[in-house]
Amino acid sequence: MSADLPVVLSPGGGAVRIPIRVVPRASRTTVGGVRDGRLLVRVTAPPVDRAANDAAVSALAGALDVPPRSVSIVSGATARNKTVEVRGLTAVDVAARIRPLCEAAP
């Protein structure tokens, strides 16, 4: 997408895919920072019964200012490294909204 964005966005099919890394059982839920080209999503939920996935989707939706139904996990449901798909925003919109998150201190 953008050369200065440390996360590679994949637009297509009316959605934008974002690589994320979920850190379960964090002390607080936050979205920010980048590790290995993936946006970090820290959640307090444990990785049990989809709790961490649901919390990650909710946190990311809040950070991007979209409804949670607009964010879905498309790969990596049982792994820490996941790919999420965001519907309702263009790649330019997503890039603008995650740029400050990528620059946030981990």
PDB file of N, CA and C in Angstrom:
ATOM      1  N   MET A   1       0.841  -1.189   0.000  1.00  0.00           N
ATOM      2  CA  MET A   1       0.000   0.000   0.000  1.00  0.00           C
ATOM      3  C   MET A   1       0.873   1.234   0.000  1.00  0.00           C
ATOM      4  N   SER A   2       1.320   1.689   1.154  1.00  0.00           N
ATOM      5  CA  SER A   2       2.152   2.880   1.251  1.00  0.00           C
ATOM      6  C   SER A   2       3.552   2.477   1.672  1.00  0.00           C
ATOM      7  N   ALA A   3       4.536   3.066   1.015  1.00  0.00           N
ATOM      8  CA  ALA A   3       5.921   2.694   1.284  1.00  0.00           C
ATOM      9  C   ALA A   3       6.346   3.032   2.709  1.00  0.00           C
ATOM     10  N   ASP A   4       5.755   4.060   3.307  1.00  0.00           N
ATOM     11  CA  ASP A   4       6.170   4.444   4.652  1.00  0.00           C
ATOM     12  C   ASP A   4       5.371   3.758   5.753  1.00  0.00           C
ATOM     13  N   LEU A   5       4.449   2.903   5.412  1.00  0.00           N
ATOM     14  CA  LEU A   5       3.652   2.175   6.387  1.00  0.00           C
ATOM     15  C   LEU A   5       4.333   0.839   6.680  1.00  0.00           C
ATOM     16  N   PRO A   6       4.646   0.534   7.945  1.00  0.00           N
ATOM     17  CA  PRO A   6       5.372  -0.697   8.258  1.00  0.00           C
ATOM     18  C   PRO A   6       4.538  -1.974   8.177  1.00  0.00           C
ATOM     19  N   VAL A   7       3.255  -1.841   7.914  1.00  0.00           N
ATOM     20  CA  VAL A   7       2.353  -2.985   7.763  1.00  0.00           C
ATOM     21  C   VAL A   7       1.860  -3.002   6.328  1.00  0.00           C
ATOM     22  N   VAL A   8       1.923  -4.155   5.688  1.00  0.00           N
ATOM     23  CA  VAL A   8       1.483  -4.267   4.292  1.00  0.00           C
ATOM     24  C   VAL A   8      -0.016  -4.554   4.266  1.00  0.00           C
ATOM     25  N   LEU A   9      -0.774  -3.647   3.663  1.00  0.00           N
ATOM     26  CA  LEU A   9      -2.218  -3.815   3.522  1.00  0.00           C
ATOM     27  C   LEU A   9      -2.505  -4.463   2.184  1.00  0.00           C
ATOM     28  N   SER A  10      -3.522  -5.326   2.153  1.00  0.00           N
ATOM     29  CA  SER A  10      -3.905  -6.004   0.917  1.00  0.00           C
ATOM     30  C   SER A  10      -5.353  -5.670   0.586  1.00  0.00           C
ATOM     31  N   PRO A  11      -5.581  -4.683  -0.282  1.00  0.00           N
ATOM     32  CA  PRO A  11      -6.952  -4.342  -0.657  1.00  0.00           C
ATOM     33  C   PRO A  11      -7.479  -5.303  -1.717  1.00  0.00           C
ATOM     34  N   GLY A  12      -8.787  -5.452  -1.752  1.00  0.00           N
ATOM     35  CA  GLY A  12      -9.408  -6.268  -2.795  1.00  0.00           C
ATOM     36  C   GLY A  12     -10.762  -6.785  -2.365  1.00  0.00           C
ATOM     37  N   GLY A  13     -11.652  -6.901  -3.318  1.00  0.00           N
ATOM     38  CA  GLY A  13     -12.975  -7.449  -3.044  1.00  0.00           C
ATOM     39  C   GLY A  13     -13.803  -6.633  -2.083  1.00  0.00           C
ATOM     40  N   GLY A  14     -13.608  -5.323  -2.067  1.00  0.00           N
ATOM     41  CA  GLY A  14     -14.404  -4.483  -1.176  1.00  0.00           C
ATOM     42  C   GLY A  14     -13.945  -4.518   0.266  1.00  0.00           C
ATOM     43  N   ALA A  15     -12.752  -5.063   0.523  1.00  0.00           N
ATOM     44  CA  ALA A  15     -12.228  -5.146   1.882  1.00  0.00           C
ATOM     45  C   ALA A  15     -10.724  -4.903   1.856  1.00  0.00           C
ATOM     46  N   VAL A  16     -10.171  -4.712   3.035  1.00  0.00           N
ATOM     47  CA  VAL A  16      -8.728  -4.523   3.181  1.00  0.00           C
ATOM     48  C   VAL A  16      -8.245  -5.524   4.221  1.00  0.00           C
ATOM     49  N   ARG A  17      -7.200  -6.260   3.876  1.00  0.00           N
ATOM     50  CA  ARG A  17      -6.629  -7.236   4.816  1.00  0.00           C
ATOM     51  C   ARG A  17      -5.426  -6.628   5.526  1.00  0.00           C
ATOM     52  N   ILE A  18      -5.368  -6.888   6.838  1.00  0.00           N
ATOM     53  CA  ILE A  18      -4.307  -6.365   7.686  1.00  0.00           C
ATOM     54  C   ILE A  18      -3.677  -7.524   8.447  1.00  0.00           C
ATOM     55  N   PRO A  19      -2.352  -7.663   8.394  1.00  0.00           N
ATOM     56  CA  PRO A  19      -1.698  -8.680   9.216  1.00  0.00           C
ATOM     57  C   PRO A  19      -1.570  -8.168  10.651  1.00  0.00           C
ATOM     58  N   ILE A  20      -1.983  -8.983  11.620  1.00  0.00           N
ATOM     59  CA  ILE A  20      -1.891  -8.587  13.021  1.00  0.00           C
ATOM     60  C   ILE A  20      -1.204  -9.687  13.821  1.00  0.00           C
ATOM     61  N   ARG A  21      -0.723  -9.318  14.986  1.00  0.00           N
ATOM     62  CA  ARG A  21      -0.207 -10.286  15.954  1.00  0.00           C
ATOM     63  C   ARG A  21      -0.962 -10.031  17.245  1.00  0.00           C
ATOM     64  N   VAL A  22      -1.646 -11.064  17.735  1.00  0.00           N
ATOM     65  CA  VAL A  22      -2.435 -10.944  18.953  1.00  0.00           C
ATOM     66  C   VAL A  22      -1.595 -11.421  20.135  1.00  0.00           C
ATOM     67  N   VAL A  23      -1.579 -10.610  21.177  1.00  0.00           N
ATOM     68  CA  VAL A  23      -0.883 -10.959  22.412  1.00  0.00           C
ATOM     69  C   VAL A  23      -1.946 -11.127  23.492  1.00  0.00           C
ATOM     70  N   PRO A  24      -2.327 -12.384  23.802  1.00  0.00           N
ATOM     71  CA  PRO A  24      -3.360 -12.610  24.818  1.00  0.00           C
ATOM     72  C   PRO A  24      -2.802 -12.428  26.231  1.00  0.00           C
ATOM     73  N   ARG A  25      -3.700 -12.296  27.185  1.00  0.00           N
ATOM     74  CA  ARG A  25      -3.365 -12.154  28.600  1.00  0.00           C
ATOM     75  C   ARG A  25      -2.444 -10.959  28.873  1.00  0.00           C
ATOM     76  N   ALA A  26      -2.628  -9.899  28.119  1.00  0.00           N
ATOM     77  CA  ALA A  26      -1.858  -8.678  28.351  1.00  0.00           C
ATOM     78  C   ALA A  26      -2.434  -7.957  29.567  1.00  0.00           C
ATOM     79  N   SER A  27      -1.693  -7.030  30.104  1.00  0.00           N
ATOM     80  CA  SER A  27      -2.182  -6.302  31.282  1.00  0.00           C
ATOM     81  C   SER A  27      -3.322  -5.354  30.935  1.00  0.00           C
ATOM     82  N   ARG A  28      -3.370  -4.922  29.652  1.00  0.00           N
ATOM     83  CA  ARG A  28      -4.484  -4.084  29.200  1.00  0.00           C
ATOM     84  C   ARG A  28      -4.678  -4.293  27.705  1.00  0.00           C
ATOM     85  N   THR A  29      -5.843  -3.966  27.222  1.00  0.00           N
ATOM     86  CA  THR A  29      -6.144  -4.110  25.800  1.00  0.00           C
ATOM     87  C   THR A  29      -5.709  -2.844  25.064  1.00  0.00           C
ATOM     88  N   THR A  30      -4.827  -3.029  24.083  1.00  0.00           N
ATOM     89  CA  THR A  30      -4.346  -1.904  23.284  1.00  0.00           C
ATOM     90  C   THR A  30      -4.083  -2.360  21.853  1.00  0.00           C
ATOM     91  N   VAL A  31      -4.151  -1.421  20.948  1.00  0.00           N
ATOM     92  CA  VAL A  31      -3.769  -1.658  19.559  1.00  0.00           C
ATOM     93  C   VAL A  31      -2.680  -0.653  19.251  1.00  0.00           C
ATOM     94  N   GLY A  32      -1.500  -1.144  18.919  1.00  0.00           N
ATOM     95  CA  GLY A  32      -0.415  -0.222  18.605  1.00  0.00           C
ATOM     96  C   GLY A  32       0.928  -0.898  18.589  1.00  0.00           C
ATOM     97  N   GLY A  33       1.793  -0.369  17.761  1.00  0.00           N
ATOM     98  CA  GLY A  33       3.113  -0.933  17.588  1.00  0.00           C
ATOM     99  C   GLY A  33       3.113  -1.960  16.465  1.00  0.00           C
ATOM    100  N   VAL A  34       4.297  -2.330  16.033  1.00  0.00           N
ATOM    101  CA  VAL A  34       4.456  -3.291  14.951  1.00  0.00           C
ATOM    102  C   VAL A  34       5.537  -4.281  15.345  1.00  0.00           C
ATOM    103  N   ARG A  35       5.290  -5.549  15.075  1.00  0.00           N
ATOM    104  CA  ARG A  35       6.291  -6.587  15.279  1.00  0.00           C
ATOM    105  C   ARG A  35       6.304  -7.479  14.045  1.00  0.00           C
ATOM    106  N   ASP A  36       7.459  -7.592  13.421  1.00  0.00           N
ATOM    107  CA  ASP A  36       7.633  -8.438  12.233  1.00  0.00           C
ATOM    108  C   ASP A  36       6.612  -8.118  11.149  1.00  0.00           C
ATOM    109  N   GLY A  37       6.340  -6.835  10.927  1.00  0.00           N
ATOM    110  CA  GLY A  37       5.428  -6.421   9.869  1.00  0.00           C
ATOM    111  C   GLY A  37       3.964  -6.633  10.177  1.00  0.00           C
ATOM    112  N   ARG A  38       3.639  -6.858  11.444  1.00  0.00           N
ATOM    113  CA  ARG A  38       2.246  -7.082  11.859  1.00  0.00           C
ATOM    114  C   ARG A  38       1.859  -6.070  12.933  1.00  0.00           C
ATOM    115  N   LEU A  39       0.650  -5.549  12.826  1.00  0.00           N
ATOM    116  CA  LEU A  39       0.122  -4.624  13.818  1.00  0.00           C
ATOM    117  C   LEU A  39      -0.133  -5.405  15.106  1.00  0.00           C
ATOM    118  N   LEU A  40       0.350  -4.898  16.229  1.00  0.00           N
ATOM    119  CA  LEU A  40       0.171  -5.578  17.512  1.00  0.00           C
ATOM    120  C   LEU A  40      -1.186  -5.245  18.116  1.00  0.00           C
ATOM    121  N   VAL A  41      -1.880  -6.295  18.541  1.00  0.00           N
ATOM    122  CA  VAL A  41      -3.154  -6.149  19.235  1.00  0.00           C
ATOM    123  C   VAL A  41      -3.024  -6.919  20.540  1.00  0.00           C
ATOM    124  N   ARG A  42      -2.935  -6.184  21.643  1.00  0.00           N
ATOM    125  CA  ARG A  42      -2.824  -6.814  22.953  1.00  0.00           C
ATOM    126  C   ARG A  42      -4.212  -6.866  23.577  1.00  0.00           C
ATOM    127  N   VAL A  43      -4.554  -8.031  24.137  1.00  0.00           N
ATOM    128  CA  VAL A  43      -5.871  -8.196  24.761  1.00  0.00           C
ATOM    129  C   VAL A  43      -5.704  -8.853  26.120  1.00  0.00           C
ATOM    130  N   THR A  44      -6.589  -8.527  27.033  1.00  0.00           N
ATOM    131  CA  THR A  44      -6.533  -9.116  28.367  1.00  0.00           C
ATOM    132  C   THR A  44      -7.115 -10.521  28.387  1.00  0.00           C
ATOM    133  N   ALA A  45      -7.881 -10.872  27.399  1.00  0.00           N
ATOM    134  CA  ALA A  45      -8.551 -12.174  27.352  1.00  0.00           C
ATOM    135  C   ALA A  45      -7.539 -13.309  27.135  1.00  0.00           C
ATOM    136  N   PRO A  46      -7.837 -14.486  27.690  1.00  0.00           N
ATOM    137  CA  PRO A  46      -6.979 -15.644  27.451  1.00  0.00           C
ATOM    138  C   PRO A  46      -7.305 -16.275  26.096  1.00  0.00           C
ATOM    139  N   PRO A  47      -6.385 -17.060  25.552  1.00  0.00           N
ATOM    140  CA  PRO A  47      -6.637 -17.701  24.253  1.00  0.00           C
ATOM    141  C   PRO A  47      -7.475 -18.971  24.398  1.00  0.00           C
ATOM    142  N   VAL A  48      -8.642 -18.829  24.993  1.00  0.00           N
ATOM    143  CA  VAL A  48      -9.518 -19.970  25.255  1.00  0.00           C
ATOM    144  C   VAL A  48     -10.905 -19.666  24.699  1.00  0.00           C
ATOM    145  N   ASP A  49     -11.483 -20.627  24.000  1.00  0.00           N
ATOM    146  CA  ASP A  49     -12.856 -20.506  23.492  1.00  0.00           C
ATOM    147  C   ASP A  49     -13.083 -19.211  22.711  1.00  0.00           C
ATOM    148  N   ARG A  50     -12.155 -18.847  21.851  1.00  0.00           N
ATOM    149  CA  ARG A  50     -12.251 -17.679  20.980  1.00  0.00           C
ATOM    150  C   ARG A  50     -12.266 -16.346  21.727  1.00  0.00           C
ATOM    151  N   ALA A  51     -12.025 -16.368  23.023  1.00  0.00           N
ATOM    152  CA  ALA A  51     -12.086 -15.125  23.803  1.00  0.00           C
ATOM    153  C   ALA A  51     -11.064 -14.106  23.300  1.00  0.00           C
ATOM    154  N   ALA A  52      -9.841 -14.535  23.056  1.00  0.00           N
ATOM    155  CA  ALA A  52      -8.811 -13.604  22.583  1.00  0.00           C
ATOM    156  C   ALA A  52      -9.140 -13.107  21.173  1.00  0.00           C
ATOM    157  N   ASN A  53      -9.643 -13.981  20.313  1.00  0.00           N
ATOM    158  CA  ASN A  53     -10.020 -13.566  18.955  1.00  0.00           C
ATOM    159  C   ASN A  53     -11.129 -12.524  19.000  1.00  0.00           C
ATOM    160  N   ASP A  54     -12.150 -12.789  19.795  1.00  0.00           N
ATOM    161  CA  ASP A  54     -13.272 -11.849  19.902  1.00  0.00           C
ATOM    162  C   ASP A  54     -12.805 -10.505  20.455  1.00  0.00           C
ATOM    163  N   ALA A  55     -11.919 -10.545  21.456  1.00  0.00           N
ATOM    164  CA  ALA A  55     -11.401  -9.317  22.044  1.00  0.00           C
ATOM    165  C   ALA A  55     -10.536  -8.558  21.035  1.00  0.00           C
ATOM    166  N   ALA A  56      -9.751  -9.288  20.238  1.00  0.00           N
ATOM    167  CA  ALA A  56      -8.899  -8.650  19.230  1.00  0.00           C
ATOM    168  C   ALA A  56      -9.745  -7.968  18.158  1.00  0.00           C
ATOM    169  N   VAL A  57     -10.791  -8.639  17.709  1.00  0.00           N
ATOM    170  CA  VAL A  57     -11.683  -8.053  16.705  1.00  0.00           C
ATOM    171  C   VAL A  57     -12.338  -6.792  17.262  1.00  0.00           C
ATOM    172  N   SER A  58     -12.801  -6.868  18.485  1.00  0.00           N
ATOM    173  CA  SER A  58     -13.445  -5.713  19.108  1.00  0.00           C
ATOM    174  C   SER A  58     -12.464  -4.552  19.279  1.00  0.00           C
ATOM    175  N   ALA A  59     -11.253  -4.851  19.733  1.00  0.00           N
ATOM    176  CA  ALA A  59     -10.246  -3.799  19.927  1.00  0.00           C
ATOM    177  C   ALA A  59      -9.851  -3.155  18.607  1.00  0.00           C
ATOM    178  N   LEU A  60      -9.660  -3.966  17.592  1.00  0.00           N
ATOM    179  CA  LEU A  60      -9.274  -3.435  16.287  1.00  0.00           C
ATOM    180  C   LEU A  60     -10.402  -2.605  15.679  1.00  0.00           C
ATOM    181  N   ALA A  61     -11.631  -3.074  15.826  1.00  0.00           N
ATOM    182  CA  ALA A  61     -12.775  -2.314  15.323  1.00  0.00           C
ATOM    183  C   ALA A  61     -12.857  -0.953  16.016  1.00  0.00           C
ATOM    184  N   GLY A  62     -12.643  -0.939  17.310  1.00  0.00           N
ATOM    185  CA  GLY A  62     -12.655   0.325  18.042  1.00  0.00           C
ATOM    186  C   GLY A  62     -11.544   1.262  17.594  1.00  0.00           C
ATOM    187  N   ALA A  63     -10.357   0.702  17.372  1.00  0.00           N
ATOM    188  CA  ALA A  63      -9.219   1.518  16.948  1.00  0.00           C
ATOM    189  C   ALA A  63      -9.417   2.086  15.548  1.00  0.00           C
ATOM    190  N   LEU A  64     -10.108   1.336  14.692  1.00  0.00           N
ATOM    191  CA  LEU A  64     -10.353   1.788  13.319  1.00  0.00           C
ATOM    192  C   LEU A  64     -11.658   2.561  13.183  1.00  0.00           C
ATOM    193  N   ASP A  65     -12.432   2.639  14.266  1.00  0.00           N
ATOM    194  CA  ASP A  65     -13.712   3.336  14.291  1.00  0.00           C
ATOM    195  C   ASP A  65     -14.699   2.749  13.280  1.00  0.00           C
ATOM    196  N   VAL A  66     -14.821   1.419  13.318  1.00  0.00           N
ATOM    197  CA  VAL A  66     -15.805   0.704  12.507  1.00  0.00           C
ATOM    198  C   VAL A  66     -16.561  -0.242  13.431  1.00  0.00           C
ATOM    199  N   PRO A  67     -17.751  -0.687  13.042  1.00  0.00           N
ATOM    200  CA  PRO A  67     -18.460  -1.649  13.880  1.00  0.00           C
ATOM    201  C   PRO A  67     -17.728  -2.992  13.893  1.00  0.00           C
ATOM    202  N   PRO A  68     -17.791  -3.737  14.997  1.00  0.00           N
ATOM    203  CA  PRO A  68     -17.112  -5.036  15.071  1.00  0.00           C
ATOM    204  C   PRO A  68     -17.522  -6.002  13.955  1.00  0.00           C
ATOM    205  N   ARG A  69     -18.733  -5.886  13.455  1.00  0.00           N
ATOM    206  CA  ARG A  69     -19.172  -6.790  12.376  1.00  0.00           C
ATOM    207  C   ARG A  69     -18.413  -6.532  11.069  1.00  0.00           C
ATOM    208  N   SER A  70     -17.719  -5.387  10.987  1.00  0.00           N
ATOM    209  CA  SER A  70     -16.942  -5.059   9.790  1.00  0.00           C
ATOM    210  C   SER A  70     -15.547  -5.676   9.804  1.00  0.00           C
ATOM    211  N   VAL A  71     -15.154  -6.267  10.923  1.00  0.00           N
ATOM    212  CA  VAL A  71     -13.821  -6.859  11.065  1.00  0.00           C
ATOM    213  C   VAL A  71     -13.978  -8.365  11.264  1.00  0.00           C
ATOM    214  N   SER A  72     -13.262  -9.138  10.477  1.00  0.00           N
ATOM    215  CA  SER A  72     -13.307 -10.592  10.647  1.00  0.00           C
ATOM    216  C   SER A  72     -11.921 -11.183  10.456  1.00  0.00           C
ATOM    217  N   ILE A  73     -11.682 -12.281  11.156  1.00  0.00           N
ATOM    218  CA  ILE A  73     -10.415 -12.993  11.026  1.00  0.00           C
ATOM    219  C   ILE A  73     -10.544 -13.931   9.840  1.00  0.00           C
ATOM    220  N   VAL A  74      -9.634 -13.791   8.873  1.00  0.00           N
ATOM    221  CA  VAL A  74      -9.709 -14.632   7.671  1.00  0.00           C
ATOM    222  C   VAL A  74      -8.638 -15.714   7.643  1.00  0.00           C
ATOM    223  N   SER A  75      -7.599 -15.575   8.469  1.00  0.00           N
ATOM    224  CA  SER A  75      -6.626 -16.660   8.593  1.00  0.00           C
ATOM    225  C   SER A  75      -5.918 -16.553   9.931  1.00  0.00           C
ATOM    226  N   GLY A  76      -5.488 -17.704  10.439  1.00  0.00           N
ATOM    227  CA  GLY A  76      -4.762 -17.743  11.701  1.00  0.00           C
ATOM    228  C   GLY A  76      -5.635 -17.753  12.929  1.00  0.00           C
ATOM    229  N   ALA A  77      -6.827 -18.293  12.844  1.00  0.00           N
ATOM    230  CA  ALA A  77      -7.764 -18.267  13.973  1.00  0.00           C
ATOM    231  C   ALA A  77      -7.195 -18.924  15.234  1.00  0.00           C
ATOM    232  N   THR A  78      -6.307 -19.904  15.080  1.00  0.00           N
ATOM    233  CA  THR A  78      -5.745 -20.574  16.252  1.00  0.00           C
ATOM    234  C   THR A  78      -4.287 -20.198  16.497  1.00  0.00           C
ATOM    235  N   ALA A  79      -3.797 -19.193  15.801  1.00  0.00           N
ATOM    236  CA  ALA A  79      -2.405 -18.760  15.951  1.00  0.00           C
ATOM    237  C   ALA A  79      -2.356 -17.319  16.445  1.00  0.00           C
ATOM    238  N   ARG A  80      -1.202 -16.900  16.889  1.00  0.00           N
ATOM    239  CA  ARG A  80      -1.050 -15.503  17.305  1.00  0.00           C
ATOM    240  C   ARG A  80      -0.992 -14.573  16.099  1.00  0.00           C
ATOM    241  N   ASN A  81      -0.364 -15.040  15.025  1.00  0.00           N
ATOM    242  CA  ASN A  81      -0.310 -14.257  13.794  1.00  0.00           C
ATOM    243  C   ASN A  81      -1.581 -14.509  13.004  1.00  0.00           C
ATOM    244  N   LYS A  82      -2.303 -13.452  12.722  1.00  0.00           N
ATOM    245  CA  LYS A  82      -3.596 -13.558  12.045  1.00  0.00           C
ATOM    246  C   LYS A  82      -3.663 -12.550  10.908  1.00  0.00           C
ATOM    247  N   THR A  83      -4.596 -12.765  10.022  1.00  0.00           N
ATOM    248  CA  THR A  83      -4.934 -11.779   9.015  1.00  0.00           C
ATOM    249  C   THR A  83      -6.399 -11.438   9.210  1.00  0.00           C
ATOM    250  N   VAL A  84      -6.677 -10.153   9.346  1.00  0.00           N
ATOM    251  CA  VAL A  84      -8.056  -9.708   9.499  1.00  0.00           C
ATOM    252  C   VAL A  84      -8.476  -8.959   8.253  1.00  0.00           C
ATOM    253  N   GLU A  85      -9.757  -8.987   8.006  1.00  0.00           N
ATOM    254  CA  GLU A  85     -10.330  -8.288   6.864  1.00  0.00           C
ATOM    255  C   GLU A  85     -11.259  -7.216   7.400  1.00  0.00           C
ATOM    256  N   VAL A  86     -11.104  -6.009   6.883  1.00  0.00           N
ATOM    257  CA  VAL A  86     -11.940  -4.877   7.292  1.00  0.00           C
ATOM    258  C   VAL A  86     -12.782  -4.459   6.097  1.00  0.00           C
ATOM    259  N   ARG A  87     -14.085  -4.470   6.273  1.00  0.00           N
ATOM    260  CA  ARG A  87     -15.006  -4.061   5.216  1.00  0.00           C
ATOM    261  C   ARG A  87     -15.547  -2.668   5.543  1.00  0.00           C
ATOM    262  N   GLY A  88     -15.876  -1.933   4.494  1.00  0.00           N
ATOM    263  CA  GLY A  88     -16.471  -0.622   4.687  1.00  0.00           C
ATOM    264  C   GLY A  88     -15.486   0.523   4.643  1.00  0.00           C
ATOM    265  N   LEU A  89     -14.209   0.237   4.510  1.00  0.00           N
ATOM    266  CA  LEU A  89     -13.187   1.271   4.389  1.00  0.00           C
ATOM    267  C   LEU A  89     -12.317   0.981   3.177  1.00  0.00           C
ATOM    268  N   THR A  90     -11.792   2.025   2.579  1.00  0.00           N
ATOM    269  CA  THR A  90     -10.846   1.833   1.484  1.00  0.00           C
ATOM    270  C   THR A  90      -9.455   1.608   2.076  1.00  0.00           C
ATOM    271  N   ALA A  91      -8.534   1.148   1.248  1.00  0.00           N
ATOM    272  CA  ALA A  91      -7.162   0.930   1.704  1.00  0.00           C
ATOM    273  C   ALA A  91      -6.536   2.243   2.171  1.00  0.00           C
ATOM    274  N   VAL A  92      -6.878   3.336   1.515  1.00  0.00           N
ATOM    275  CA  VAL A  92      -6.352   4.648   1.908  1.00  0.00           C
ATOM    276  C   VAL A  92      -6.874   5.026   3.295  1.00  0.00           C
ATOM    277  N   ASP A  93      -8.163   4.765   3.546  1.00  0.00           N
ATOM    278  CA  ASP A  93      -8.747   5.056   4.861  1.00  0.00           C
ATOM    279  C   ASP A  93      -8.077   4.219   5.950  1.00  0.00           C
ATOM    280  N   VAL A  94      -7.915   2.928   5.684  1.00  0.00           N
ATOM    281  CA  VAL A  94      -7.292   2.044   6.670  1.00  0.00           C
ATOM    282  C   VAL A  94      -5.862   2.493   6.940  1.00  0.00           C
ATOM    283  N   ALA A  95      -5.122   2.807   5.895  1.00  0.00           N
ATOM    284  CA  ALA A  95      -3.736   3.261   6.068  1.00  0.00           C
ATOM    285  C   ALA A  95      -3.677   4.512   6.938  1.00  0.00           C
ATOM    286  N   ALA A  96      -4.568   5.448   6.697  1.00  0.00           N
ATOM    287  CA  ALA A  96      -4.588   6.685   7.479  1.00  0.00           C
ATOM    288  C   ALA A  96      -4.924   6.408   8.941  1.00  0.00           C
ATOM    289  N   ARG A  97      -5.794   5.436   9.189  1.00  0.00           N
ATOM    290  CA  ARG A  97      -6.208   5.145  10.558  1.00  0.00           C
ATOM    291  C   ARG A  97      -5.191   4.292  11.318  1.00  0.00           C
ATOM    292  N   ILE A  98      -4.448   3.441  10.623  1.00  0.00           N
ATOM    293  CA  ILE A  98      -3.486   2.614  11.362  1.00  0.00           C
ATOM    294  C   ILE A  98      -2.092   3.231  11.439  1.00  0.00           C
ATOM    295  N   ARG A  99      -1.817   4.239  10.610  1.00  0.00           N
ATOM    296  CA  ARG A  99      -0.495   4.870  10.654  1.00  0.00           C
ATOM    297  C   ARG A  99      -0.135   5.320  12.071  1.00  0.00           C
ATOM    298  N   PRO A 100      -1.007   6.069  12.787  1.00  0.00           N
ATOM    299  CA  PRO A 100      -0.640   6.460  14.143  1.00  0.00           C
ATOM    300  C   PRO A 100      -0.531   5.264  15.095  1.00  0.00           C
ATOM    301  N   LEU A 101      -1.289   4.213  14.830  1.00  0.00           N
ATOM    302  CA  LEU A 101      -1.220   3.015  15.673  1.00  0.00           C
ATOM    303  C   LEU A 101       0.113   2.304  15.481  1.00  0.00           C
ATOM    304  N   CYS A 102       0.610   2.278  14.268  1.00  0.00           N
ATOM    305  CA  CYS A 102       1.890   1.631  13.979  1.00  0.00           C
ATOM    306  C   CYS A 102       3.029   2.361  14.666  1.00  0.00           C
ATOM    307  N   GLU A 103       2.883   3.663  14.808  1.00  0.00           N
ATOM    308  CA  GLU A 103       3.937   4.470  15.417  1.00  0.00           C
ATOM    309  C   GLU A 103       3.857   4.483  16.925  1.00  0.00           C
ATOM    310  N   ALA A 104       2.773   3.938  17.483  1.00  0.00           N
ATOM    311  CA  ALA A 104       2.601   3.913  18.933  1.00  0.00           C
ATOM    312  C   ALA A 104       3.655   3.015  19.569  1.00  0.00           C
ATOM    313  N   ALA A 105       4.086   3.396  20.738  1.00  0.00           N
ATOM    314  CA  ALA A 105       5.087   2.590  21.446  1.00  0.00           C
ATOM    315  C   ALA A 105       4.476   1.262  21.860  1.00  0.00           C
ATOM    316  N   PRO A 106       5.226   0.182  21.704  1.00  0.00           N
ATOM    317  CA  PRO A 106       4.694  -1.141  22.089  1.00  0.00           C
ATOM    318  C   PRO A 106       4.489  -1.292  23.559  1.00  0.00           C
TER     319      PRO A 106
END
